[in-house]
Amino acid sequence: MNFDENQIAELKQITPDLSCAQEGGYNYILIKDLRLPDNCKPEVVDALLCSTPRDGYESRLFFSALITGCHQRNWNGNIRVLEGNWYAVSWKVPGGLKLAEILMVHLKALR
């Protein structure tokens, strides 16, 4: 699993507690204690970023819990990865972005 070191460093500026993992042929970035946009409940969750195409999307951001308090979205991703259950919003993110940009665009779904 090879992520660009500069992109990982940039991502750590946003969310410093992260690690890389691989399962089922996908590379993930496990983000601990990701702070969500205002009004989201819970306010902080763990997240799993898959920066490559998966499930018909260019990238996916999975959350350790269903998020409420924000705009109502279509929650269509529910997977079991890394011994946990993860949930994702149906949200299109363009390809060709850096890791930090991918994360930030995914978080816009919750605003």
PDB file of N, CA and C in Angstrom:
ATOM      1  N   MET A   1       0.847  -1.154   0.000  1.00  0.00           N
ATOM      2  CA  MET A   1       0.000   0.000   0.000  1.00  0.00           C
ATOM      3  C   MET A   1       0.893   1.217   0.000  1.00  0.00           C
ATOM      4  N   ASN A   2       0.783   1.978  -1.033  1.00  0.00           N
ATOM      5  CA  ASN A   2       1.644   3.133  -1.205  1.00  0.00           C
ATOM      6  C   ASN A   2       0.828   4.408  -1.336  1.00  0.00           C
ATOM      7  N   PHE A   3       0.891   5.241  -0.311  1.00  0.00           N
ATOM      8  CA  PHE A   3       0.311   6.569  -0.383  1.00  0.00           C
ATOM      9  C   PHE A   3       1.475   7.549  -0.458  1.00  0.00           C
ATOM     10  N   ASP A   4       1.303   8.613  -1.205  1.00  0.00           N
ATOM     11  CA  ASP A   4       2.325   9.642  -1.319  1.00  0.00           C
ATOM     12  C   ASP A   4       2.595  10.244   0.062  1.00  0.00           C
ATOM     13  N   GLU A   5       3.863  10.255   0.473  1.00  0.00           N
ATOM     14  CA  GLU A   5       4.237  10.744   1.802  1.00  0.00           C
ATOM     15  C   GLU A   5       3.870  12.206   2.006  1.00  0.00           C
ATOM     16  N   ASN A   6       3.986  13.028   0.981  1.00  0.00           N
ATOM     17  CA  ASN A   6       3.613  14.438   1.090  1.00  0.00           C
ATOM     18  C   ASN A   6       2.109  14.596   1.308  1.00  0.00           C
ATOM     19  N   GLN A   7       1.329  13.754   0.640  1.00  0.00           N
ATOM     20  CA  GLN A   7      -0.121  13.819   0.809  1.00  0.00           C
ATOM     21  C   GLN A   7      -0.530  13.336   2.201  1.00  0.00           C
ATOM     22  N   ILE A   8       0.160  12.315   2.713  1.00  0.00           N
ATOM     23  CA  ILE A   8      -0.122  11.841   4.077  1.00  0.00           C
ATOM     24  C   ILE A   8       0.212  12.954   5.078  1.00  0.00           C
ATOM     25  N   ALA A   9       1.346  13.632   4.892  1.00  0.00           N
ATOM     26  CA  ALA A   9       1.741  14.733   5.779  1.00  0.00           C
ATOM     27  C   ALA A   9       0.701  15.849   5.748  1.00  0.00           C
ATOM     28  N   GLU A  10       0.187  16.160   4.554  1.00  0.00           N
ATOM     29  CA  GLU A  10      -0.850  17.190   4.413  1.00  0.00           C
ATOM     30  C   GLU A  10      -2.134  16.760   5.130  1.00  0.00           C
ATOM     31  N   LEU A  11      -2.504  15.513   4.986  1.00  0.00           N
ATOM     32  CA  LEU A  11      -3.696  14.981   5.649  1.00  0.00           C
ATOM     33  C   LEU A  11      -3.531  15.021   7.165  1.00  0.00           C
ATOM     34  N   LYS A  12      -2.336  14.736   7.660  1.00  0.00           N
ATOM     35  CA  LYS A  12      -2.076  14.762   9.104  1.00  0.00           C
ATOM     36  C   LYS A  12      -2.204  16.165   9.685  1.00  0.00           C
ATOM     37  N   GLN A  13      -2.085  17.194   8.863  1.00  0.00           N
ATOM     38  CA  GLN A  13      -2.307  18.551   9.346  1.00  0.00           C
ATOM     39  C   GLN A  13      -3.770  18.776   9.693  1.00  0.00           C
ATOM     40  N   ILE A  14      -4.651  18.041   9.031  1.00  0.00           N
ATOM     41  CA  ILE A  14      -6.087  18.141   9.284  1.00  0.00           C
ATOM     42  C   ILE A  14      -6.497  17.200  10.402  1.00  0.00           C
ATOM     43  N   THR A  15      -5.995  15.994  10.341  1.00  0.00           N
ATOM     44  CA  THR A  15      -6.350  14.954  11.291  1.00  0.00           C
ATOM     45  C   THR A  15      -5.112  14.107  11.579  1.00  0.00           C
ATOM     46  N   PRO A  16      -4.418  14.395  12.663  1.00  0.00           N
ATOM     47  CA  PRO A  16      -3.102  13.806  12.898  1.00  0.00           C
ATOM     48  C   PRO A  16      -3.073  12.322  13.227  1.00  0.00           C
ATOM     49  N   ASP A  17      -4.161  11.781  13.764  1.00  0.00           N
ATOM     50  CA  ASP A  17      -4.145  10.374  14.191  1.00  0.00           C
ATOM     51  C   ASP A  17      -4.693   9.489  13.079  1.00  0.00           C
ATOM     52  N   LEU A  18      -3.807   9.053  12.206  1.00  0.00           N
ATOM     53  CA  LEU A  18      -4.239   8.178  11.116  1.00  0.00           C
ATOM     54  C   LEU A  18      -3.217   7.076  10.882  1.00  0.00           C
ATOM     55  N   SER A  19      -3.702   6.023  10.254  1.00  0.00           N
ATOM     56  CA  SER A  19      -2.845   4.892   9.900  1.00  0.00           C
ATOM     57  C   SER A  19      -3.367   4.285   8.604  1.00  0.00           C
ATOM     58  N   CYS A  20      -2.517   3.515   7.965  1.00  0.00           N
ATOM     59  CA  CYS A  20      -2.883   2.883   6.697  1.00  0.00           C
ATOM     60  C   CYS A  20      -3.183   1.409   6.940  1.00  0.00           C
ATOM     61  N   ALA A  21      -4.134   0.897   6.186  1.00  0.00           N
ATOM     62  CA  ALA A  21      -4.517  -0.503   6.305  1.00  0.00           C
ATOM     63  C   ALA A  21      -4.970  -1.010   4.941  1.00  0.00           C
ATOM     64  N   GLN A  22      -4.974  -2.308   4.802  1.00  0.00           N
ATOM     65  CA  GLN A  22      -5.408  -2.927   3.555  1.00  0.00           C
ATOM     66  C   GLN A  22      -6.290  -4.121   3.894  1.00  0.00           C
ATOM     67  N   GLU A  23      -7.376  -4.234   3.125  1.00  0.00           N
ATOM     68  CA  GLU A  23      -8.257  -5.394   3.288  1.00  0.00           C
ATOM     69  C   GLU A  23      -9.118  -5.536   2.040  1.00  0.00           C
ATOM     70  N   GLY A  24      -9.323  -6.746   1.617  1.00  0.00           N
ATOM     71  CA  GLY A  24     -10.202  -7.016   0.479  1.00  0.00           C
ATOM     72  C   GLY A  24      -9.758  -6.374  -0.811  1.00  0.00           C
ATOM     73  N   GLY A  25      -8.462  -6.158  -0.977  1.00  0.00           N
ATOM     74  CA  GLY A  25      -7.945  -5.555  -2.195  1.00  0.00           C
ATOM     75  C   GLY A  25      -8.020  -4.042  -2.234  1.00  0.00           C
ATOM     76  N   TYR A  26      -8.446  -3.418  -1.146  1.00  0.00           N
ATOM     77  CA  TYR A  26      -8.532  -1.965  -1.060  1.00  0.00           C
ATOM     78  C   TYR A  26      -7.536  -1.440  -0.036  1.00  0.00           C
ATOM     79  N   ASN A  27      -6.992  -0.261  -0.313  1.00  0.00           N
ATOM     80  CA  ASN A  27      -6.128   0.441   0.631  1.00  0.00           C
ATOM     81  C   ASN A  27      -6.970   1.510   1.324  1.00  0.00           C
ATOM     82  N   TYR A  28      -6.829   1.575   2.630  1.00  0.00           N
ATOM     83  CA  TYR A  28      -7.597   2.519   3.431  1.00  0.00           C
ATOM     84  C   TYR A  28      -6.678   3.378   4.279  1.00  0.00           C
ATOM     85  N   ILE A  29      -7.191   4.538   4.640  1.00  0.00           N
ATOM     86  CA  ILE A  29      -6.573   5.360   5.660  1.00  0.00           C
ATOM     87  C   ILE A  29      -7.570   5.423   6.813  1.00  0.00           C
ATOM     88  N   LEU A  30      -7.171   4.872   7.937  1.00  0.00           N
ATOM     89  CA  LEU A  30      -8.001   4.883   9.135  1.00  0.00           C
ATOM     90  C   LEU A  30      -7.727   6.180   9.881  1.00  0.00           C
ATOM     91  N   ILE A  31      -8.762   6.972  10.052  1.00  0.00           N
ATOM     92  CA  ILE A  31      -8.657   8.278  10.696  1.00  0.00           C
ATOM     93  C   ILE A  31      -9.347   8.187  12.050  1.00  0.00           C
ATOM     94  N   LYS A  32      -8.584   8.376  13.094  1.00  0.00           N
ATOM     95  CA  LYS A  32      -9.136   8.360  14.458  1.00  0.00           C
ATOM     96  C   LYS A  32      -9.592   9.756  14.844  1.00  0.00           C
ATOM     97  N   ASP A  33     -10.726   9.828  15.522  1.00  0.00           N
ATOM     98  CA  ASP A  33     -11.236  11.078  16.096  1.00  0.00           C
ATOM     99  C   ASP A  33     -11.357  12.213  15.084  1.00  0.00           C
ATOM    100  N   LEU A  34     -12.031  11.928  13.987  1.00  0.00           N
ATOM    101  CA  LEU A  34     -12.283  12.944  12.967  1.00  0.00           C
ATOM    102  C   LEU A  34     -13.387  13.876  13.459  1.00  0.00           C
ATOM    103  N   ARG A  35     -13.079  15.157  13.524  1.00  0.00           N
ATOM    104  CA  ARG A  35     -14.076  16.154  13.929  1.00  0.00           C
ATOM    105  C   ARG A  35     -14.963  16.463  12.733  1.00  0.00           C
ATOM    106  N   LEU A  36     -16.261  16.364  12.943  1.00  0.00           N
ATOM    107  CA  LEU A  36     -17.238  16.573  11.874  1.00  0.00           C
ATOM    108  C   LEU A  36     -17.710  18.023  11.847  1.00  0.00           C
ATOM    109  N   PRO A  37     -18.335  18.444  10.747  1.00  0.00           N
ATOM    110  CA  PRO A  37     -18.858  19.814  10.663  1.00  0.00           C
ATOM    111  C   PRO A  37     -19.871  20.110  11.769  1.00  0.00           C
ATOM    112  N   ASP A  38     -20.095  21.399  12.016  1.00  0.00           N
ATOM    113  CA  ASP A  38     -21.046  21.840  13.039  1.00  0.00           C
ATOM    114  C   ASP A  38     -22.396  21.154  12.878  1.00  0.00           C
ATOM    115  N   ASN A  39     -23.057  20.914  13.994  1.00  0.00           N
ATOM    116  CA  ASN A  39     -24.400  20.331  14.110  1.00  0.00           C
ATOM    117  C   ASN A  39     -24.435  18.821  13.903  1.00  0.00           C
ATOM    118  N   CYS A  40     -23.336  18.203  13.558  1.00  0.00           N
ATOM    119  CA  CYS A  40     -23.328  16.758  13.372  1.00  0.00           C
ATOM    120  C   CYS A  40     -23.321  16.063  14.724  1.00  0.00           C
ATOM    121  N   LYS A  41     -24.037  14.978  14.789  1.00  0.00           N
ATOM    122  CA  LYS A  41     -24.068  14.124  15.973  1.00  0.00           C
ATOM    123  C   LYS A  41     -23.772  12.706  15.537  1.00  0.00           C
ATOM    124  N   PRO A  42     -22.781  12.071  16.085  1.00  0.00           N
ATOM    125  CA  PRO A  42     -21.826  12.596  17.039  1.00  0.00           C
ATOM    126  C   PRO A  42     -20.912  13.642  16.399  1.00  0.00           C
ATOM    127  N   GLU A  43     -20.207  14.391  17.243  1.00  0.00           N
ATOM    128  CA  GLU A  43     -19.320  15.443  16.758  1.00  0.00           C
ATOM    129  C   GLU A  43     -17.994  14.892  16.256  1.00  0.00           C
ATOM    130  N   VAL A  44     -17.588  13.745  16.806  1.00  0.00           N
ATOM    131  CA  VAL A  44     -16.305  13.124  16.473  1.00  0.00           C
ATOM    132  C   VAL A  44     -16.538  11.637  16.233  1.00  0.00           C
ATOM    133  N   VAL A  45     -15.976  11.130  15.147  1.00  0.00           N
ATOM    134  CA  VAL A  45     -16.074   9.703  14.828  1.00  0.00           C
ATOM    135  C   VAL A  45     -14.739   9.228  14.262  1.00  0.00           C
ATOM    136  N   ASP A  46     -14.592   7.928  14.192  1.00  0.00           N
ATOM    137  CA  ASP A  46     -13.499   7.372  13.413  1.00  0.00           C
ATOM    138  C   ASP A  46     -13.993   7.283  11.973  1.00  0.00           C
ATOM    139  N   ALA A  47     -13.084   7.378  11.039  1.00  0.00           N
ATOM    140  CA  ALA A  47     -13.459   7.330   9.623  1.00  0.00           C
ATOM    141  C   ALA A  47     -12.465   6.467   8.865  1.00  0.00           C
ATOM    142  N   LEU A  48     -12.907   5.987   7.741  1.00  0.00           N
ATOM    143  CA  LEU A  48     -12.106   5.120   6.887  1.00  0.00           C
ATOM    144  C   LEU A  48     -12.165   5.696   5.478  1.00  0.00           C
ATOM    145  N   LEU A  49     -11.036   6.192   4.995  1.00  0.00           N
ATOM    146  CA  LEU A  49     -10.970   6.801   3.674  1.00  0.00           C
ATOM    147  C   LEU A  49     -10.422   5.801   2.672  1.00  0.00           C
ATOM    148  N   CYS A  50     -11.193   5.542   1.629  1.00  0.00           N
ATOM    149  CA  CYS A  50     -10.745   4.732   0.499  1.00  0.00           C
ATOM    150  C   CYS A  50     -10.614   5.708  -0.669  1.00  0.00           C
ATOM    151  N   SER A  51      -9.385   6.011  -1.046  1.00  0.00           N
ATOM    152  CA  SER A  51      -9.142   7.069  -2.033  1.00  0.00           C
ATOM    153  C   SER A  51      -9.156   6.576  -3.476  1.00  0.00           C
ATOM    154  N   THR A  52      -9.476   5.315  -3.669  1.00  0.00           N
ATOM    155  CA  THR A  52      -9.537   4.739  -5.012  1.00  0.00           C
ATOM    156  C   THR A  52     -10.962   4.294  -5.323  1.00  0.00           C
ATOM    157  N   PRO A  53     -11.281   4.064  -6.592  1.00  0.00           N
ATOM    158  CA  PRO A  53     -12.654   3.693  -6.947  1.00  0.00           C
ATOM    159  C   PRO A  53     -13.161   2.462  -6.195  1.00  0.00           C
ATOM    160  N   ARG A  54     -14.403   2.597  -5.725  1.00  0.00           N
ATOM    161  CA  ARG A  54     -15.057   1.527  -4.988  1.00  0.00           C
ATOM    162  C   ARG A  54     -16.561   1.757  -5.050  1.00  0.00           C
ATOM    163  N   ASP A  55     -17.313   0.707  -5.278  1.00  0.00           N
ATOM    164  CA  ASP A  55     -18.777   0.752  -5.239  1.00  0.00           C
ATOM    165  C   ASP A  55     -19.389   1.763  -6.209  1.00  0.00           C
ATOM    166  N   GLY A  56     -18.718   2.021  -7.339  1.00  0.00           N
ATOM    167  CA  GLY A  56     -19.236   2.965  -8.310  1.00  0.00           C
ATOM    168  C   GLY A  56     -18.895   4.420  -8.015  1.00  0.00           C
ATOM    169  N   TYR A  57     -18.067   4.658  -7.031  1.00  0.00           N
ATOM    170  CA  TYR A  57     -17.635   5.998  -6.659  1.00  0.00           C
ATOM    171  C   TYR A  57     -16.128   6.109  -6.862  1.00  0.00           C
ATOM    172  N   GLU A  58     -15.636   7.324  -7.124  1.00  0.00           N
ATOM    173  CA  GLU A  58     -14.198   7.545  -7.286  1.00  0.00           C
ATOM    174  C   GLU A  58     -13.448   7.338  -5.977  1.00  0.00           C
ATOM    175  N   SER A  59     -14.110   7.638  -4.860  1.00  0.00           N
ATOM    176  CA  SER A  59     -13.553   7.437  -3.527  1.00  0.00           C
ATOM    177  C   SER A  59     -14.719   7.297  -2.558  1.00  0.00           C
ATOM    178  N   ARG A  60     -14.410   6.775  -1.358  1.00  0.00           N
ATOM    179  CA  ARG A  60     -15.455   6.649  -0.334  1.00  0.00           C
ATOM    180  C   ARG A  60     -14.891   7.091   1.005  1.00  0.00           C
ATOM    181  N   LEU A  61     -15.726   7.700   1.809  1.00  0.00           N
ATOM    182  CA  LEU A  61     -15.399   7.996   3.194  1.00  0.00           C
ATOM    183  C   LEU A  61     -16.444   7.310   4.048  1.00  0.00           C
ATOM    184  N   PHE A  62     -15.984   6.350   4.820  1.00  0.00           N
ATOM    185  CA  PHE A  62     -16.869   5.592   5.702  1.00  0.00           C
ATOM    186  C   PHE A  62     -16.728   6.116   7.121  1.00  0.00           C
ATOM    187  N   PHE A  63     -17.853   6.139   7.842  1.00  0.00           N
ATOM    188  CA  PHE A  63     -17.887   6.611   9.213  1.00  0.00           C
ATOM    189  C   PHE A  63     -18.209   5.449  10.143  1.00  0.00           C
ATOM    190  N   SER A  64     -17.718   5.536  11.380  1.00  0.00           N
ATOM    191  CA  SER A  64     -17.956   4.473  12.354  1.00  0.00           C
ATOM    192  C   SER A  64     -19.374   4.524  12.929  1.00  0.00           C
ATOM    193  N   ALA A  65     -20.119   5.573  12.626  1.00  0.00           N
ATOM    194  CA  ALA A  65     -21.500   5.718  13.101  1.00  0.00           C
ATOM    195  C   ALA A  65     -22.310   6.458  12.052  1.00  0.00           C
ATOM    196  N   LEU A  66     -23.620   6.260  12.085  1.00  0.00           N
ATOM    197  CA  LEU A  66     -24.504   7.079  11.246  1.00  0.00           C
ATOM    198  C   LEU A  66     -24.534   8.488  11.824  1.00  0.00           C
ATOM    199  N   ILE A  67     -24.483   9.470  10.975  1.00  0.00           N
ATOM    200  CA  ILE A  67     -24.404  10.867  11.410  1.00  0.00           C
ATOM    201  C   ILE A  67     -25.779  11.503  11.298  1.00  0.00           C
ATOM    202  N   THR A  68     -26.180  12.219  12.332  1.00  0.00           N
ATOM    203  CA  THR A  68     -27.453  12.949  12.334  1.00  0.00           C
ATOM    204  C   THR A  68     -27.168  14.425  12.596  1.00  0.00           C
ATOM    205  N   GLY A  69     -28.207  15.236  12.518  1.00  0.00           N
ATOM    206  CA  GLY A  69     -28.079  16.659  12.820  1.00  0.00           C
ATOM    207  C   GLY A  69     -27.612  17.497  11.648  1.00  0.00           C
ATOM    208  N   CYS A  70     -27.298  16.869  10.556  1.00  0.00           N
ATOM    209  CA  CYS A  70     -26.830  17.582   9.362  1.00  0.00           C
ATOM    210  C   CYS A  70     -27.886  17.390   8.269  1.00  0.00           C
ATOM    211  N   HIS A  71     -27.580  17.874   7.081  1.00  0.00           N
ATOM    212  CA  HIS A  71     -28.506  17.648   5.967  1.00  0.00           C
ATOM    213  C   HIS A  71     -28.791  16.159   5.813  1.00  0.00           C
ATOM    214  N   GLN A  72     -30.040  15.844   5.563  1.00  0.00           N
ATOM    215  CA  GLN A  72     -30.428  14.454   5.365  1.00  0.00           C
ATOM    216  C   GLN A  72     -29.824  13.950   4.059  1.00  0.00           C
ATOM    217  N   ARG A  73     -29.078  12.890   4.124  1.00  0.00           N
ATOM    218  CA  ARG A  73     -28.425  12.315   2.957  1.00  0.00           C
ATOM    219  C   ARG A  73     -28.825  10.858   2.812  1.00  0.00           C
ATOM    220  N   ASN A  74     -28.519  10.319   1.646  1.00  0.00           N
ATOM    221  CA  ASN A  74     -28.783   8.914   1.383  1.00  0.00           C
ATOM    222  C   ASN A  74     -27.604   8.087   1.893  1.00  0.00           C
ATOM    223  N   TRP A  75     -27.807   7.387   2.979  1.00  0.00           N
ATOM    224  CA  TRP A  75     -26.771   6.518   3.529  1.00  0.00           C
ATOM    225  C   TRP A  75     -26.872   5.178   2.823  1.00  0.00           C
ATOM    226  N   ASN A  76     -25.948   4.939   1.903  1.00  0.00           N
ATOM    227  CA  ASN A  76     -26.059   3.707   1.119  1.00  0.00           C
ATOM    228  C   ASN A  76     -24.868   2.780   1.274  1.00  0.00           C
ATOM    229  N   GLY A  77     -23.861   3.180   2.001  1.00  0.00           N
ATOM    230  CA  GLY A  77     -22.715   2.297   2.206  1.00  0.00           C
ATOM    231  C   GLY A  77     -22.744   1.726   3.601  1.00  0.00           C
ATOM    232  N   ASN A  78     -22.720   0.445   3.703  1.00  0.00           N
ATOM    233  CA  ASN A  78     -22.637  -0.223   4.995  1.00  0.00           C
ATOM    234  C   ASN A  78     -21.754  -1.438   4.770  1.00  0.00           C
ATOM    235  N   ILE A  79     -20.527  -1.351   5.234  1.00  0.00           N
ATOM    236  CA  ILE A  79     -19.577  -2.429   4.982  1.00  0.00           C
ATOM    237  C   ILE A  79     -18.956  -2.898   6.288  1.00  0.00           C
ATOM    238  N   ARG A  80     -18.418  -4.080   6.243  1.00  0.00           N
ATOM    239  CA  ARG A  80     -17.660  -4.629   7.359  1.00  0.00           C
ATOM    240  C   ARG A  80     -16.205  -4.681   6.911  1.00  0.00           C
ATOM    241  N   VAL A  81     -15.359  -3.852   7.505  1.00  0.00           N
ATOM    242  CA  VAL A  81     -13.945  -3.776   7.163  1.00  0.00           C
ATOM    243  C   VAL A  81     -13.153  -3.582   8.451  1.00  0.00           C
ATOM    244  N   LEU A  82     -12.003  -4.199   8.511  1.00  0.00           N
ATOM    245  CA  LEU A  82     -11.100  -4.032   9.647  1.00  0.00           C
ATOM    246  C   LEU A  82     -11.814  -4.262  10.975  1.00  0.00           C
ATOM    247  N   GLU A  83     -12.626  -5.306  10.994  1.00  0.00           N
ATOM    248  CA  GLU A  83     -13.349  -5.741  12.190  1.00  0.00           C
ATOM    249  C   GLU A  83     -14.325  -4.705  12.725  1.00  0.00           C
ATOM    250  N   GLY A  84     -14.826  -3.846  11.834  1.00  0.00           N
ATOM    251  CA  GLY A  84     -15.812  -2.850  12.242  1.00  0.00           C
ATOM    252  C   GLY A  84     -16.875  -2.654  11.186  1.00  0.00           C
ATOM    253  N   ASN A  85     -18.005  -2.088  11.582  1.00  0.00           N
ATOM    254  CA  ASN A  85     -19.070  -1.727  10.656  1.00  0.00           C
ATOM    255  C   ASN A  85     -18.905  -0.259  10.306  1.00  0.00           C
ATOM    256  N   TRP A  86     -19.015   0.054   9.017  1.00  0.00           N
ATOM    257  CA  TRP A  86     -18.767   1.405   8.520  1.00  0.00           C
ATOM    258  C   TRP A  86     -19.922   1.849   7.632  1.00  0.00           C
ATOM    259  N   TYR A  87     -20.230   3.152   7.665  1.00  0.00           N
ATOM    260  CA  TYR A  87     -21.364   3.717   6.950  1.00  0.00           C
ATOM    261  C   TYR A  87     -20.887   4.850   6.051  1.00  0.00           C
ATOM    262  N   ALA A  88     -21.508   4.983   4.880  1.00  0.00           N
ATOM    263  CA  ALA A  88     -21.115   6.029   3.934  1.00  0.00           C
ATOM    264  C   ALA A  88     -22.339   6.701   3.332  1.00  0.00           C
ATOM    265  N   VAL A  89     -22.166   7.968   3.042  1.00  0.00           N
ATOM    266  CA  VAL A  89     -23.180   8.766   2.361  1.00  0.00           C
ATOM    267  C   VAL A  89     -22.983   8.605   0.861  1.00  0.00           C
ATOM    268  N   SER A  90     -24.084   8.608   0.123  1.00  0.00           N
ATOM    269  CA  SER A  90     -23.996   8.628  -1.328  1.00  0.00           C
ATOM    270  C   SER A  90     -23.569  10.038  -1.728  1.00  0.00           C
ATOM    271  N   TRP A  91     -22.299  10.177  -2.111  1.00  0.00           N
ATOM    272  CA  TRP A  91     -21.750  11.501  -2.384  1.00  0.00           C
ATOM    273  C   TRP A  91     -20.651  11.350  -3.415  1.00  0.00           C
ATOM    274  N   LYS A  92     -20.800  12.011  -4.533  1.00  0.00           N
ATOM    275  CA  LYS A  92     -19.813  11.931  -5.613  1.00  0.00           C
ATOM    276  C   LYS A  92     -18.682  12.923  -5.396  1.00  0.00           C
ATOM    277  N   VAL A  93     -17.467  12.445  -5.501  1.00  0.00           N
ATOM    278  CA  VAL A  93     -16.262  13.264  -5.392  1.00  0.00           C
ATOM    279  C   VAL A  93     -15.483  13.053  -6.684  1.00  0.00           C
ATOM    280  N   PRO A  94     -15.041  14.125  -7.320  1.00  0.00           N
ATOM    281  CA  PRO A  94     -14.292  13.948  -8.575  1.00  0.00           C
ATOM    282  C   PRO A  94     -12.960  13.252  -8.336  1.00  0.00           C
ATOM    283  N   GLY A  95     -12.462  12.587  -9.354  1.00  0.00           N
ATOM    284  CA  GLY A  95     -11.163  11.943  -9.275  1.00  0.00           C
ATOM    285  C   GLY A  95     -10.045  12.955  -9.426  1.00  0.00           C
ATOM    286  N   GLY A  96      -8.828  12.508  -9.186  1.00  0.00           N
ATOM    287  CA  GLY A  96      -7.657  13.341  -9.403  1.00  0.00           C
ATOM    288  C   GLY A  96      -7.330  14.306  -8.281  1.00  0.00           C
ATOM    289  N   LEU A  97      -7.992  14.169  -7.125  1.00  0.00           N
ATOM    290  CA  LEU A  97      -7.729  15.065  -6.002  1.00  0.00           C
ATOM    291  C   LEU A  97      -6.679  14.467  -5.065  1.00  0.00           C
ATOM    292  N   LYS A  98      -6.046  15.325  -4.281  1.00  0.00           N
ATOM    293  CA  LYS A  98      -5.131  14.872  -3.234  1.00  0.00           C
ATOM    294  C   LYS A  98      -5.950  14.308  -2.076  1.00  0.00           C
ATOM    295  N   LEU A  99      -5.290  13.545  -1.206  1.00  0.00           N
ATOM    296  CA  LEU A  99      -5.984  12.910  -0.085  1.00  0.00           C
ATOM    297  C   LEU A  99      -6.727  13.911   0.791  1.00  0.00           C
ATOM    298  N   ALA A 100      -6.083  15.013   1.152  1.00  0.00           N
ATOM    299  CA  ALA A 100      -6.736  16.021   1.995  1.00  0.00           C
ATOM    300  C   ALA A 100      -7.944  16.628   1.278  1.00  0.00           C
ATOM    301  N   GLU A 101      -7.828  16.845  -0.010  1.00  0.00           N
ATOM    302  CA  GLU A 101      -8.949  17.383  -0.785  1.00  0.00           C
ATOM    303  C   GLU A 101     -10.098  16.385  -0.836  1.00  0.00           C
ATOM    304  N   ILE A 102      -9.781  15.115  -1.013  1.00  0.00           N
ATOM    305  CA  ILE A 102     -10.820  14.077  -1.028  1.00  0.00           C
ATOM    306  C   ILE A 102     -11.583  14.098   0.290  1.00  0.00           C
ATOM    307  N   LEU A 103     -10.857  14.128   1.403  1.00  0.00           N
ATOM    308  CA  LEU A 103     -11.501  14.157   2.711  1.00  0.00           C
ATOM    309  C   LEU A 103     -12.412  15.373   2.847  1.00  0.00           C
ATOM    310  N   MET A 104     -11.928  16.538   2.493  1.00  0.00           N
ATOM    311  CA  MET A 104     -12.705  17.757   2.672  1.00  0.00           C
ATOM    312  C   MET A 104     -13.962  17.771   1.793  1.00  0.00           C
ATOM    313  N   VAL A 105     -13.861  17.274   0.574  1.00  0.00           N
ATOM    314  CA  VAL A 105     -15.038  17.226  -0.301  1.00  0.00           C
ATOM    315  C   VAL A 105     -16.065  16.232   0.252  1.00  0.00           C
ATOM    316  N   HIS A 106     -15.612  15.111   0.779  1.00  0.00           N
ATOM    317  CA  HIS A 106     -16.554  14.159   1.388  1.00  0.00           C
ATOM    318  C   HIS A 106     -17.262  14.783   2.588  1.00  0.00           C
ATOM    319  N   LEU A 107     -16.527  15.537   3.375  1.00  0.00           N
ATOM    320  CA  LEU A 107     -17.145  16.161   4.566  1.00  0.00           C
ATOM    321  C   LEU A 107     -18.185  17.214   4.186  1.00  0.00           C
ATOM    322  N   LYS A 108     -18.116  17.769   2.988  1.00  0.00           N
ATOM    323  CA  LYS A 108     -19.130  18.734   2.532  1.00  0.00           C
ATOM    324  C   LYS A 108     -20.520  18.108   2.490  1.00  0.00           C
ATOM    325  N   ALA A 109     -20.582  16.796   2.363  1.00  0.00           N
ATOM    326  CA  ALA A 109     -21.883  16.110   2.338  1.00  0.00           C
ATOM    327  C   ALA A 109     -22.629  16.289   3.639  1.00  0.00           C
ATOM    328  N   LEU A 110     -21.908  16.589   4.718  1.00  0.00           N
ATOM    329  CA  LEU A 110     -22.527  16.708   6.027  1.00  0.00           C
ATOM    330  C   LEU A 110     -22.857  18.147   6.407  1.00  0.00           C
ATOM    331  N   ARG A 111     -22.577  19.084   5.527  1.00  0.00           N
ATOM    332  CA  ARG A 111     -22.856  20.503   5.842  1.00  0.00           C
ATOM    333  C   ARG A 111     -24.218  20.904   5.397  1.00  0.00           C
TER     334      ARG A 111
END
